[in-house]
Structure formats: structure tokens, C-alpha cells
Amino acid sequence: YFQYVNYVQPYILWLFHHILNWQIAAGQNIAFWKKKALEIGGFDENLLFAEDMDLATRMKKTGKVIFLKDCIVYSSGRRSDEGIKYFFRAGFSTLQFFFGVRKLRGFPDIR
């Protein structure tokens, strides 16, 4: 696997969080208070994409959301096997999400 997403994603997340003030949370590396998450309804299981970003955005209503740039988790990166199509799909879907689109196209199953 060519898992470049593991090397690029932390910088993209930092940019969104610190420059754009968008609460981005990568699903493989997210922590939160269970009680607070339950208060806002937890993960929206109807979303096919951005359920982690949705949770982080709603969690901001319960308190401070922080981004720790040194807390990196390397995941399988198997989505990046799609190549550049992955970044176009993820980037376009992320922009749609932050502009209010809720019905986003999901990713193909890769296992």
C-alpha cells in the first residue's frame, strides 16, 4: 500500500482547525467525553461521510474542541489506494459538508 494519506492528513487537519476554524476530527484519532457526546446525540449513523467531522462540529457546542498536532495515529491508509481520486472525493465532500450538504456520497468498501 502507498499510504501517503498518513503523511498528508495531519497537515490538512491542522490547516482546517487553525486557519479555517473548522472542527475536523479524523475517525481513527478522536477522543471525547462520552457524556457530552450522548448529550448531542452521538455519531449520526445516517451519514455516509463526515460523521466524525459532524460529531466534532456538534461537540463544539458543549465545550472546547482542541487539536493536538503531536498526537498522530497511523492508520491502514487503504483508502489512499484509490489514488488521487480519494483526495478529490474526500476534499469535495468535506467542502460540501461544511457548506451544509448532509447527503454525501460514501466511499467504496475497501477491505
PDB file of N, CA and C in Angstrom:
ATOM      1  N   TYR A   1       0.830  -1.198   0.000  1.00  0.00           N
ATOM      2  CA  TYR A   1       0.000   0.000   0.000  1.00  0.00           C
ATOM      3  C   TYR A   1       0.865   1.249   0.000  1.00  0.00           C
ATOM      4  N   PHE A   2       0.458   2.205  -0.782  1.00  0.00           N
ATOM      5  CA  PHE A   2       1.102   3.507  -0.772  1.00  0.00           C
ATOM      6  C   PHE A   2       0.242   4.406   0.107  1.00  0.00           C
ATOM      7  N   GLN A   3       0.592   4.523   1.367  1.00  0.00           N
ATOM      8  CA  GLN A   3      -0.270   5.152   2.359  1.00  0.00           C
ATOM      9  C   GLN A   3       0.100   6.613   2.620  1.00  0.00           C
ATOM     10  N   TYR A   4       0.115   7.399   1.570  1.00  0.00           N
ATOM     11  CA  TYR A   4       0.500   8.793   1.715  1.00  0.00           C
ATOM     12  C   TYR A   4      -0.490   9.588   2.553  1.00  0.00           C
ATOM     13  N   VAL A   5      -1.714   9.096   2.682  1.00  0.00           N
ATOM     14  CA  VAL A   5      -2.704   9.814   3.478  1.00  0.00           C
ATOM     15  C   VAL A   5      -2.213   9.985   4.920  1.00  0.00           C
ATOM     16  N   ASN A   6      -1.450   9.024   5.435  1.00  0.00           N
ATOM     17  CA  ASN A   6      -0.918   9.125   6.796  1.00  0.00           C
ATOM     18  C   ASN A   6       0.045  10.294   6.965  1.00  0.00           C
ATOM     19  N   TYR A   7       0.671  10.707   5.898  1.00  0.00           N
ATOM     20  CA  TYR A   7       1.660  11.778   5.979  1.00  0.00           C
ATOM     21  C   TYR A   7       1.065  13.141   5.645  1.00  0.00           C
ATOM     22  N   VAL A   8       0.022  13.158   4.845  1.00  0.00           N
ATOM     23  CA  VAL A   8      -0.589  14.406   4.410  1.00  0.00           C
ATOM     24  C   VAL A   8      -1.702  14.853   5.357  1.00  0.00           C
ATOM     25  N   GLN A   9      -2.466  13.906   5.862  1.00  0.00           N
ATOM     26  CA  GLN A   9      -3.649  14.229   6.650  1.00  0.00           C
ATOM     27  C   GLN A   9      -3.375  15.122   7.866  1.00  0.00           C
ATOM     28  N   PRO A  10      -2.333  14.887   8.670  1.00  0.00           N
ATOM     29  CA  PRO A  10      -2.134  15.771   9.832  1.00  0.00           C
ATOM     30  C   PRO A  10      -1.994  17.243   9.459  1.00  0.00           C
ATOM     31  N   TYR A  11      -1.373  17.536   8.343  1.00  0.00           N
ATOM     32  CA  TYR A  11      -1.204  18.926   7.910  1.00  0.00           C
ATOM     33  C   TYR A  11      -2.534  19.514   7.430  1.00  0.00           C
ATOM     34  N   ILE A  12      -3.304  18.702   6.744  1.00  0.00           N
ATOM     35  CA  ILE A  12      -4.616  19.165   6.275  1.00  0.00           C
ATOM     36  C   ILE A  12      -5.522  19.438   7.475  1.00  0.00           C
ATOM     37  N   LEU A  13      -5.525  18.536   8.445  1.00  0.00           N
ATOM     38  CA  LEU A  13      -6.355  18.727   9.630  1.00  0.00           C
ATOM     39  C   LEU A  13      -5.941  19.973  10.401  1.00  0.00           C
ATOM     40  N   TRP A  14      -4.633  20.187  10.524  1.00  0.00           N
ATOM     41  CA  TRP A  14      -4.138  21.386  11.210  1.00  0.00           C
ATOM     42  C   TRP A  14      -4.632  22.643  10.492  1.00  0.00           C
ATOM     43  N   LEU A  15      -4.533  22.661   9.176  1.00  0.00           N
ATOM     44  CA  LEU A  15      -4.975  23.804   8.385  1.00  0.00           C
ATOM     45  C   LEU A  15      -6.452  24.093   8.617  1.00  0.00           C
ATOM     46  N   PHE A  16      -7.281  23.068   8.517  1.00  0.00           N
ATOM     47  CA  PHE A  16      -8.717  23.265   8.726  1.00  0.00           C
ATOM     48  C   PHE A  16      -9.015  23.778  10.130  1.00  0.00           C
ATOM     49  N   HIS A  17      -8.366  23.197  11.124  1.00  0.00           N
ATOM     50  CA  HIS A  17      -8.662  23.566  12.509  1.00  0.00           C
ATOM     51  C   HIS A  17      -8.164  24.971  12.854  1.00  0.00           C
ATOM     52  N   HIS A  18      -6.923  25.272  12.531  1.00  0.00           N
ATOM     53  CA  HIS A  18      -6.322  26.533  12.968  1.00  0.00           C
ATOM     54  C   HIS A  18      -6.540  27.710  12.020  1.00  0.00           C
ATOM     55  N   ILE A  19      -6.627  27.470  10.750  1.00  0.00           N
ATOM     56  CA  ILE A  19      -6.784  28.567   9.805  1.00  0.00           C
ATOM     57  C   ILE A  19      -8.263  28.819   9.496  1.00  0.00           C
ATOM     58  N   LEU A  20      -9.013  27.768   9.239  1.00  0.00           N
ATOM     59  CA  LEU A  20     -10.418  27.917   8.853  1.00  0.00           C
ATOM     60  C   LEU A  20     -11.386  27.805  10.027  1.00  0.00           C
ATOM     61  N   ASN A  21     -10.886  27.387  11.197  1.00  0.00           N
ATOM     62  CA  ASN A  21     -11.704  27.176  12.396  1.00  0.00           C
ATOM     63  C   ASN A  21     -12.815  26.147  12.159  1.00  0.00           C
ATOM     64  N   TRP A  22     -12.534  25.175  11.303  1.00  0.00           N
ATOM     65  CA  TRP A  22     -13.453  24.064  11.081  1.00  0.00           C
ATOM     66  C   TRP A  22     -13.016  22.930  11.987  1.00  0.00           C
ATOM     67  N   GLN A  23     -13.958  22.331  12.677  1.00  0.00           N
ATOM     68  CA  GLN A  23     -13.643  21.254  13.603  1.00  0.00           C
ATOM     69  C   GLN A  23     -13.556  19.932  12.851  1.00  0.00           C
ATOM     70  N   ILE A  24     -12.364  19.579  12.490  1.00  0.00           N
ATOM     71  CA  ILE A  24     -12.125  18.330  11.770  1.00  0.00           C
ATOM     72  C   ILE A  24     -11.608  17.305  12.774  1.00  0.00           C
ATOM     73  N   ALA A  25     -12.172  16.131  12.737  1.00  0.00           N
ATOM     74  CA  ALA A  25     -11.712  15.066  13.612  1.00  0.00           C
ATOM     75  C   ALA A  25     -11.587  13.797  12.785  1.00  0.00           C
ATOM     76  N   ALA A  26     -10.403  13.273  12.689  1.00  0.00           N
ATOM     77  CA  ALA A  26     -10.208  12.033  11.945  1.00  0.00           C
ATOM     78  C   ALA A  26     -10.726  10.877  12.787  1.00  0.00           C
ATOM     79  N   GLY A  27     -11.595  10.079  12.206  1.00  0.00           N
ATOM     80  CA  GLY A  27     -12.238   8.995  12.938  1.00  0.00           C
ATOM     81  C   GLY A  27     -11.285   8.042  13.627  1.00  0.00           C
ATOM     82  N   GLN A  28     -10.097   7.843  13.061  1.00  0.00           N
ATOM     83  CA  GLN A  28      -9.147   6.919  13.677  1.00  0.00           C
ATOM     84  C   GLN A  28      -8.421   7.539  14.866  1.00  0.00           C
ATOM     85  N   ASN A  29      -8.634   8.832  15.094  1.00  0.00           N
ATOM     86  CA  ASN A  29      -7.897   9.508  16.164  1.00  0.00           C
ATOM     87  C   ASN A  29      -8.752  10.608  16.769  1.00  0.00           C
ATOM     88  N   ILE A  30      -9.796  10.195  17.461  1.00  0.00           N
ATOM     89  CA  ILE A  30     -10.715  11.151  18.069  1.00  0.00           C
ATOM     90  C   ILE A  30     -11.021  10.678  19.487  1.00  0.00           C
ATOM     91  N   ALA A  31     -11.056  11.602  20.401  1.00  0.00           N
ATOM     92  CA  ALA A  31     -11.401  11.280  21.789  1.00  0.00           C
ATOM     93  C   ALA A  31     -12.371  12.346  22.282  1.00  0.00           C
ATOM     94  N   PHE A  32     -13.309  11.937  23.099  1.00  0.00           N
ATOM     95  CA  PHE A  32     -14.297  12.878  23.605  1.00  0.00           C
ATOM     96  C   PHE A  32     -14.909  12.315  24.879  1.00  0.00           C
ATOM     97  N   TRP A  33     -15.574  13.200  25.628  1.00  0.00           N
ATOM     98  CA  TRP A  33     -16.284  12.765  26.821  1.00  0.00           C
ATOM     99  C   TRP A  33     -17.586  12.099  26.387  1.00  0.00           C
ATOM    100  N   LYS A  34     -17.781  10.865  26.781  1.00  0.00           N
ATOM    101  CA  LYS A  34     -18.967  10.101  26.383  1.00  0.00           C
ATOM    102  C   LYS A  34     -20.248  10.826  26.770  1.00  0.00           C
ATOM    103  N   LYS A  35     -20.285  11.352  27.985  1.00  0.00           N
ATOM    104  CA  LYS A  35     -21.488  12.038  28.469  1.00  0.00           C
ATOM    105  C   LYS A  35     -21.843  13.212  27.557  1.00  0.00           C
ATOM    106  N   LYS A  36     -20.846  13.995  27.172  1.00  0.00           N
ATOM    107  CA  LYS A  36     -21.080  15.151  26.297  1.00  0.00           C
ATOM    108  C   LYS A  36     -21.546  14.697  24.915  1.00  0.00           C
ATOM    109  N   ALA A  37     -20.946  13.634  24.410  1.00  0.00           N
ATOM    110  CA  ALA A  37     -21.329  13.128  23.089  1.00  0.00           C
ATOM    111  C   ALA A  37     -22.770  12.613  23.102  1.00  0.00           C
ATOM    112  N   LEU A  38     -23.151  11.935  24.160  1.00  0.00           N
ATOM    113  CA  LEU A  38     -24.522  11.438  24.261  1.00  0.00           C
ATOM    114  C   LEU A  38     -25.518  12.582  24.367  1.00  0.00           C
ATOM    115  N   GLU A  39     -25.119  13.676  25.016  1.00  0.00           N
ATOM    116  CA  GLU A  39     -25.992  14.847  25.146  1.00  0.00           C
ATOM    117  C   GLU A  39     -26.356  15.430  23.786  1.00  0.00           C
ATOM    118  N   ILE A  40     -25.458  15.318  22.830  1.00  0.00           N
ATOM    119  CA  ILE A  40     -25.719  15.881  21.497  1.00  0.00           C
ATOM    120  C   ILE A  40     -26.157  14.818  20.493  1.00  0.00           C
ATOM    121  N   GLY A  41     -26.394  13.607  20.960  1.00  0.00           N
ATOM    122  CA  GLY A  41     -26.916  12.551  20.094  1.00  0.00           C
ATOM    123  C   GLY A  41     -25.883  11.604  19.521  1.00  0.00           C
ATOM    124  N   GLY A  42     -24.610  11.739  19.898  1.00  0.00           N
ATOM    125  CA  GLY A  42     -23.567  10.829  19.421  1.00  0.00           C
ATOM    126  C   GLY A  42     -23.331  10.949  17.925  1.00  0.00           C
ATOM    127  N   PHE A  43     -22.744   9.917  17.357  1.00  0.00           N
ATOM    128  CA  PHE A  43     -22.487   9.885  15.916  1.00  0.00           C
ATOM    129  C   PHE A  43     -23.809   9.818  15.154  1.00  0.00           C
ATOM    130  N   ASP A  44     -23.904  10.553  14.068  1.00  0.00           N
ATOM    131  CA  ASP A  44     -25.068  10.473  13.195  1.00  0.00           C
ATOM    132  C   ASP A  44     -24.837   9.305  12.245  1.00  0.00           C
ATOM    133  N   GLU A  45     -25.479   8.195  12.523  1.00  0.00           N
ATOM    134  CA  GLU A  45     -25.264   6.976  11.749  1.00  0.00           C
ATOM    135  C   GLU A  45     -25.897   7.028  10.364  1.00  0.00           C
ATOM    136  N   ASN A  46     -26.650   8.085  10.070  1.00  0.00           N
ATOM    137  CA  ASN A  46     -27.235   8.237   8.740  1.00  0.00           C
ATOM    138  C   ASN A  46     -26.249   8.822   7.738  1.00  0.00           C
ATOM    139  N   LEU A  47     -25.157   9.379   8.230  1.00  0.00           N
ATOM    140  CA  LEU A  47     -24.159   9.973   7.345  1.00  0.00           C
ATOM    141  C   LEU A  47     -23.261   8.889   6.761  1.00  0.00           C
ATOM    142  N   LEU A  48     -23.003   8.965   5.471  1.00  0.00           N
ATOM    143  CA  LEU A  48     -22.098   8.022   4.811  1.00  0.00           C
ATOM    144  C   LEU A  48     -20.671   8.555   4.789  1.00  0.00           C
ATOM    145  N   PHE A  49     -20.511   9.837   5.052  1.00  0.00           N
ATOM    146  CA  PHE A  49     -19.209  10.501   5.059  1.00  0.00           C
ATOM    147  C   PHE A  49     -19.286  11.631   6.070  1.00  0.00           C
ATOM    148  N   ALA A  50     -18.194  11.929   6.708  1.00  0.00           N
ATOM    149  CA  ALA A  50     -18.045  13.079   7.600  1.00  0.00           C
ATOM    150  C   ALA A  50     -18.754  12.926   8.945  1.00  0.00           C
ATOM    151  N   GLU A  51     -19.073  11.698   9.334  1.00  0.00           N
ATOM    152  CA  GLU A  51     -19.716  11.517  10.638  1.00  0.00           C
ATOM    153  C   GLU A  51     -18.802  11.959  11.775  1.00  0.00           C
ATOM    154  N   ASP A  52     -17.481  11.826  11.584  1.00  0.00           N
ATOM    155  CA  ASP A  52     -16.537  12.279  12.602  1.00  0.00           C
ATOM    156  C   ASP A  52     -16.455  13.803  12.644  1.00  0.00           C
ATOM    157  N   MET A  53     -16.493  14.450  11.481  1.00  0.00           N
ATOM    158  CA  MET A  53     -16.489  15.918  11.437  1.00  0.00           C
ATOM    159  C   MET A  53     -17.788  16.473  12.000  1.00  0.00           C
ATOM    160  N   ASP A  54     -18.884  15.802  11.703  1.00  0.00           N
ATOM    161  CA  ASP A  54     -20.185  16.213  12.231  1.00  0.00           C
ATOM    162  C   ASP A  54     -20.173  16.162  13.754  1.00  0.00           C
ATOM    163  N   LEU A  55     -19.653  15.080  14.319  1.00  0.00           N
ATOM    164  CA  LEU A  55     -19.592  14.961  15.776  1.00  0.00           C
ATOM    165  C   LEU A  55     -18.725  16.073  16.363  1.00  0.00           C
ATOM    166  N   ALA A  56     -17.557  16.324  15.787  1.00  0.00           N
ATOM    167  CA  ALA A  56     -16.662  17.368  16.304  1.00  0.00           C
ATOM    168  C   ALA A  56     -17.312  18.740  16.219  1.00  0.00           C
ATOM    169  N   THR A  57     -18.031  19.005  15.134  1.00  0.00           N
ATOM    170  CA  THR A  57     -18.716  20.292  14.984  1.00  0.00           C
ATOM    171  C   THR A  57     -19.782  20.457  16.053  1.00  0.00           C
ATOM    172  N   ARG A  58     -20.547  19.413  16.294  1.00  0.00           N
ATOM    173  CA  ARG A  58     -21.587  19.491  17.325  1.00  0.00           C
ATOM    174  C   ARG A  58     -20.998  19.496  18.734  1.00  0.00           C
ATOM    175  N   MET A  59     -19.860  18.824  18.924  1.00  0.00           N
ATOM    176  CA  MET A  59     -19.211  18.812  20.245  1.00  0.00           C
ATOM    177  C   MET A  59     -18.753  20.215  20.646  1.00  0.00           C
ATOM    178  N   LYS A  60     -18.464  21.042  19.662  1.00  0.00           N
ATOM    179  CA  LYS A  60     -18.035  22.413  19.956  1.00  0.00           C
ATOM    180  C   LYS A  60     -19.100  23.155  20.762  1.00  0.00           C
ATOM    181  N   LYS A  61     -20.350  22.761  20.613  1.00  0.00           N
ATOM    182  CA  LYS A  61     -21.439  23.388  21.358  1.00  0.00           C
ATOM    183  C   LYS A  61     -21.398  23.029  22.840  1.00  0.00           C
ATOM    184  N   THR A  62     -20.704  21.939  23.192  1.00  0.00           N
ATOM    185  CA  THR A  62     -20.655  21.501  24.590  1.00  0.00           C
ATOM    186  C   THR A  62     -19.397  21.968  25.307  1.00  0.00           C
ATOM    187  N   GLY A  63     -18.464  22.538  24.561  1.00  0.00           N
ATOM    188  CA  GLY A  63     -17.205  22.992  25.172  1.00  0.00           C
ATOM    189  C   GLY A  63     -16.123  23.173  24.130  1.00  0.00           C
ATOM    190  N   LYS A  64     -14.928  23.227  24.592  1.00  0.00           N
ATOM    191  CA  LYS A  64     -13.785  23.488  23.730  1.00  0.00           C
ATOM    192  C   LYS A  64     -13.361  22.231  22.969  1.00  0.00           C
ATOM    193  N   VAL A  65     -13.073  22.397  21.690  1.00  0.00           N
ATOM    194  CA  VAL A  65     -12.533  21.322  20.866  1.00  0.00           C
ATOM    195  C   VAL A  65     -11.078  21.666  20.595  1.00  0.00           C
ATOM    196  N   ILE A  66     -10.195  20.734  20.877  1.00  0.00           N
ATOM    197  CA  ILE A  66      -8.769  21.011  20.677  1.00  0.00           C
ATOM    198  C   ILE A  66      -8.189  20.081  19.618  1.00  0.00           C
ATOM    199  N   PHE A  67      -7.105  20.523  19.046  1.00  0.00           N
ATOM    200  CA  PHE A  67      -6.389  19.745  18.039  1.00  0.00           C
ATOM    201  C   PHE A  67      -4.962  19.583  18.542  1.00  0.00           C
ATOM    202  N   LEU A  68      -4.523  18.350  18.719  1.00  0.00           N
ATOM    203  CA  LEU A  68      -3.168  18.073  19.189  1.00  0.00           C
ATOM    204  C   LEU A  68      -2.330  17.601  18.005  1.00  0.00           C
ATOM    205  N   LYS A  69      -1.470  18.469  17.513  1.00  0.00           N
ATOM    206  CA  LYS A  69      -0.711  18.147  16.304  1.00  0.00           C
ATOM    207  C   LYS A  69       0.305  17.026  16.513  1.00  0.00           C
ATOM    208  N   ASP A  70       0.698  16.788  17.751  1.00  0.00           N
ATOM    209  CA  ASP A  70       1.697  15.755  18.021  1.00  0.00           C
ATOM    210  C   ASP A  70       1.084  14.405  18.374  1.00  0.00           C
ATOM    211  N   CYS A  71      -0.212  14.317  18.337  1.00  0.00           N
ATOM    212  CA  CYS A  71      -0.904  13.069  18.668  1.00  0.00           C
ATOM    213  C   CYS A  71      -1.338  12.408  17.361  1.00  0.00           C
ATOM    214  N   ILE A  72      -0.391  11.772  16.705  1.00  0.00           N
ATOM    215  CA  ILE A  72      -0.618  11.210  15.379  1.00  0.00           C
ATOM    216  C   ILE A  72      -0.866   9.710  15.483  1.00  0.00           C
ATOM    217  N   VAL A  73      -1.870   9.244  14.775  1.00  0.00           N
ATOM    218  CA  VAL A  73      -2.170   7.829  14.690  1.00  0.00           C
ATOM    219  C   VAL A  73      -2.036   7.424  13.224  1.00  0.00           C
ATOM    220  N   TYR A  74      -1.242   6.413  12.956  1.00  0.00           N
ATOM    221  CA  TYR A  74      -1.109   5.905  11.596  1.00  0.00           C
ATOM    222  C   TYR A  74      -2.135   4.808  11.388  1.00  0.00           C
ATOM    223  N   SER A  75      -2.963   4.999  10.396  1.00  0.00           N
ATOM    224  CA  SER A  75      -3.999   4.007  10.107  1.00  0.00           C
ATOM    225  C   SER A  75      -3.589   3.206   8.874  1.00  0.00           C
ATOM    226  N   SER A  76      -4.461   2.301   8.471  1.00  0.00           N
ATOM    227  CA  SER A  76      -4.123   1.440   7.338  1.00  0.00           C
ATOM    228  C   SER A  76      -3.919   2.244   6.060  1.00  0.00           C
ATOM    229  N   GLY A  77      -4.597   3.366   5.930  1.00  0.00           N
ATOM    230  CA  GLY A  77      -4.447   4.186   4.735  1.00  0.00           C
ATOM    231  C   GLY A  77      -4.968   3.518   3.480  1.00  0.00           C
ATOM    232  N   ARG A  78      -5.757   2.466   3.625  1.00  0.00           N
ATOM    233  CA  ARG A  78      -6.189   1.710   2.443  1.00  0.00           C
ATOM    234  C   ARG A  78      -7.052   2.541   1.498  1.00  0.00           C
ATOM    235  N   ARG A  79      -7.695   3.577   2.015  1.00  0.00           N
ATOM    236  CA  ARG A  79      -8.471   4.454   1.139  1.00  0.00           C
ATOM    237  C   ARG A  79      -7.572   5.126   0.106  1.00  0.00           C
ATOM    238  N   SER A  80      -6.326   5.380   0.480  1.00  0.00           N
ATOM    239  CA  SER A  80      -5.441   6.073  -0.460  1.00  0.00           C
ATOM    240  C   SER A  80      -5.052   5.184  -1.636  1.00  0.00           C
ATOM    241  N   ASP A  81      -5.415   3.911  -1.574  1.00  0.00           N
ATOM    242  CA  ASP A  81      -5.169   3.035  -2.724  1.00  0.00           C
ATOM    243  C   ASP A  81      -5.980   3.482  -3.944  1.00  0.00           C
ATOM    244  N   GLU A  82      -7.010   4.288  -3.708  1.00  0.00           N
ATOM    245  CA  GLU A  82      -7.792   4.849  -4.809  1.00  0.00           C
ATOM    246  C   GLU A  82      -6.969   5.864  -5.597  1.00  0.00           C
ATOM    247  N   GLY A  83      -5.872   6.294  -5.019  1.00  0.00           N
ATOM    248  CA  GLY A  83      -5.040   7.293  -5.673  1.00  0.00           C
ATOM    249  C   GLY A  83      -5.593   8.693  -5.516  1.00  0.00           C
ATOM    250  N   ILE A  84      -5.350   9.519  -6.496  1.00  0.00           N
ATOM    251  CA  ILE A  84      -5.744  10.923  -6.430  1.00  0.00           C
ATOM    252  C   ILE A  84      -7.256  11.080  -6.348  1.00  0.00           C
ATOM    253  N   LYS A  85      -8.004  10.084  -6.840  1.00  0.00           N
ATOM    254  CA  LYS A  85      -9.471  10.142  -6.750  1.00  0.00           C
ATOM    255  C   LYS A  85      -9.916  10.253  -5.296  1.00  0.00           C
ATOM    256  N   TYR A  86      -9.169   9.624  -4.386  1.00  0.00           N
ATOM    257  CA  TYR A  86      -9.508   9.694  -2.961  1.00  0.00           C
ATOM    258  C   TYR A  86      -9.498  11.139  -2.477  1.00  0.00           C
ATOM    259  N   PHE A  87      -8.449  11.879  -2.811  1.00  0.00           N
ATOM    260  CA  PHE A  87      -8.335  13.248  -2.323  1.00  0.00           C
ATOM    261  C   PHE A  87      -9.392  14.156  -2.949  1.00  0.00           C
ATOM    262  N   PHE A  88      -9.699  13.940  -4.216  1.00  0.00           N
ATOM    263  CA  PHE A  88     -10.764  14.738  -4.827  1.00  0.00           C
ATOM    264  C   PHE A  88     -12.103  14.430  -4.174  1.00  0.00           C
ATOM    265  N   ARG A  89     -12.389  13.144  -3.973  1.00  0.00           N
ATOM    266  CA  ARG A  89     -13.656  12.748  -3.358  1.00  0.00           C
ATOM    267  C   ARG A  89     -13.737  13.276  -1.925  1.00  0.00           C
ATOM    268  N   ALA A  90     -12.698  13.057  -1.135  1.00  0.00           N
ATOM    269  CA  ALA A  90     -12.707  13.490   0.261  1.00  0.00           C
ATOM    270  C   ALA A  90     -12.730  15.017   0.362  1.00  0.00           C
ATOM    271  N   GLY A  91     -11.931  15.683  -0.455  1.00  0.00           N
ATOM    272  CA  GLY A  91     -11.884  17.141  -0.411  1.00  0.00           C
ATOM    273  C   GLY A  91     -13.208  17.772  -0.801  1.00  0.00           C
ATOM    274  N   PHE A  92     -13.797  17.297  -1.886  1.00  0.00           N
ATOM    275  CA  PHE A  92     -15.078  17.833  -2.345  1.00  0.00           C
ATOM    276  C   PHE A  92     -16.175  17.557  -1.322  1.00  0.00           C
ATOM    277  N   SER A  93     -16.197  16.352  -0.774  1.00  0.00           N
ATOM    278  CA  SER A  93     -17.215  16.001   0.222  1.00  0.00           C
ATOM    279  C   SER A  93     -17.050  16.820   1.495  1.00  0.00           C
ATOM    280  N   THR A  94     -15.797  17.081   1.897  1.00  0.00           N
ATOM    281  CA  THR A  94     -15.551  17.893   3.089  1.00  0.00           C
ATOM    282  C   THR A  94     -16.067  19.313   2.884  1.00  0.00           C
ATOM    283  N   LEU A  95     -15.780  19.890   1.739  1.00  0.00           N
ATOM    284  CA  LEU A  95     -16.283  21.242   1.445  1.00  0.00           C
ATOM    285  C   LEU A  95     -17.814  21.259   1.431  1.00  0.00           C
ATOM    286  N   GLN A  96     -18.410  20.255   0.807  1.00  0.00           N
ATOM    287  CA  GLN A  96     -19.874  20.177   0.784  1.00  0.00           C
ATOM    288  C   GLN A  96     -20.423  20.122   2.209  1.00  0.00           C
ATOM    289  N   PHE A  97     -19.793  19.294   3.057  1.00  0.00           N
ATOM    290  CA  PHE A  97     -20.254  19.148   4.437  1.00  0.00           C
ATOM    291  C   PHE A  97     -20.251  20.487   5.155  1.00  0.00           C
ATOM    292  N   PHE A  98     -19.161  21.233   5.034  1.00  0.00           N
ATOM    293  CA  PHE A  98     -19.056  22.496   5.755  1.00  0.00           C
ATOM    294  C   PHE A  98     -19.905  23.606   5.146  1.00  0.00           C
ATOM    295  N   PHE A  99     -20.460  23.354   3.971  1.00  0.00           N
ATOM    296  CA  PHE A  99     -21.406  24.305   3.398  1.00  0.00           C
ATOM    297  C   PHE A  99     -22.841  23.798   3.513  1.00  0.00           C
ATOM    298  N   GLY A 100     -23.047  22.797   4.397  1.00  0.00           N
ATOM    299  CA  GLY A 100     -24.384  22.380   4.778  1.00  0.00           C
ATOM    300  C   GLY A 100     -24.980  21.178   4.082  1.00  0.00           C
ATOM    301  N   VAL A 101     -24.265  20.567   3.154  1.00  0.00           N
ATOM    302  CA  VAL A 101     -24.804  19.378   2.476  1.00  0.00           C
ATOM    303  C   VAL A 101     -24.711  18.193   3.428  1.00  0.00           C
ATOM    304  N   ARG A 102     -25.797  17.492   3.644  1.00  0.00           N
ATOM    305  CA  ARG A 102     -25.827  16.379   4.592  1.00  0.00           C
ATOM    306  C   ARG A 102     -25.847  15.014   3.898  1.00  0.00           C
ATOM    307  N   LYS A 103     -26.319  14.939   2.679  1.00  0.00           N
ATOM    308  CA  LYS A 103     -26.369  13.656   1.970  1.00  0.00           C
ATOM    309  C   LYS A 103     -25.138  13.564   1.084  1.00  0.00           C
ATOM    310  N   LEU A 104     -24.078  13.037   1.641  1.00  0.00           N
ATOM    311  CA  LEU A 104     -22.800  12.934   0.923  1.00  0.00           C
ATOM    312  C   LEU A 104     -22.584  11.508   0.452  1.00  0.00           C
ATOM    313  N   ARG A 105     -21.929  11.395  -0.671  1.00  0.00           N
ATOM    314  CA  ARG A 105     -21.607  10.084  -1.236  1.00  0.00           C
ATOM    315  C   ARG A 105     -20.600   9.379  -0.336  1.00  0.00           C
ATOM    316  N   GLY A 106     -20.858   8.136  -0.035  1.00  0.00           N
ATOM    317  CA  GLY A 106     -19.924   7.363   0.783  1.00  0.00           C
ATOM    318  C   GLY A 106     -18.758   6.842  -0.026  1.00  0.00           C
ATOM    319  N   PHE A 107     -17.858   6.173   0.630  1.00  0.00           N
ATOM    320  CA  PHE A 107     -16.697   5.593  -0.031  1.00  0.00           C
ATOM    321  C   PHE A 107     -16.966   4.121  -0.354  1.00  0.00           C
ATOM    322  N   PRO A 108     -16.312   3.623  -1.390  1.00  0.00           N
ATOM    323  CA  PRO A 108     -16.450   2.186  -1.675  1.00  0.00           C
ATOM    324  C   PRO A 108     -15.824   1.375  -0.540  1.00  0.00           C
ATOM    325  N   ASP A 109     -16.373   0.200  -0.295  1.00  0.00           N
ATOM    326  CA  ASP A 109     -15.802  -0.684   0.725  1.00  0.00           C
ATOM    327  C   ASP A 109     -14.438  -1.165   0.277  1.00  0.00           C
ATOM    328  N   ILE A 110     -13.437  -1.002   1.117  1.00  0.00           N
ATOM    329  CA  ILE A 110     -12.091  -1.489   0.811  1.00  0.00           C
ATOM    330  C   ILE A 110     -11.650  -2.319   2.013  1.00  0.00           C
ATOM    331  N   ARG A 111     -11.600  -3.590   1.850  1.00  0.00           N
ATOM    332  CA  ARG A 111     -11.202  -4.469   2.958  1.00  0.00           C
ATOM    333  C   ARG A 111     -10.280  -5.541   2.429  1.00  0.00           C
TER     334      ARG A 111
END
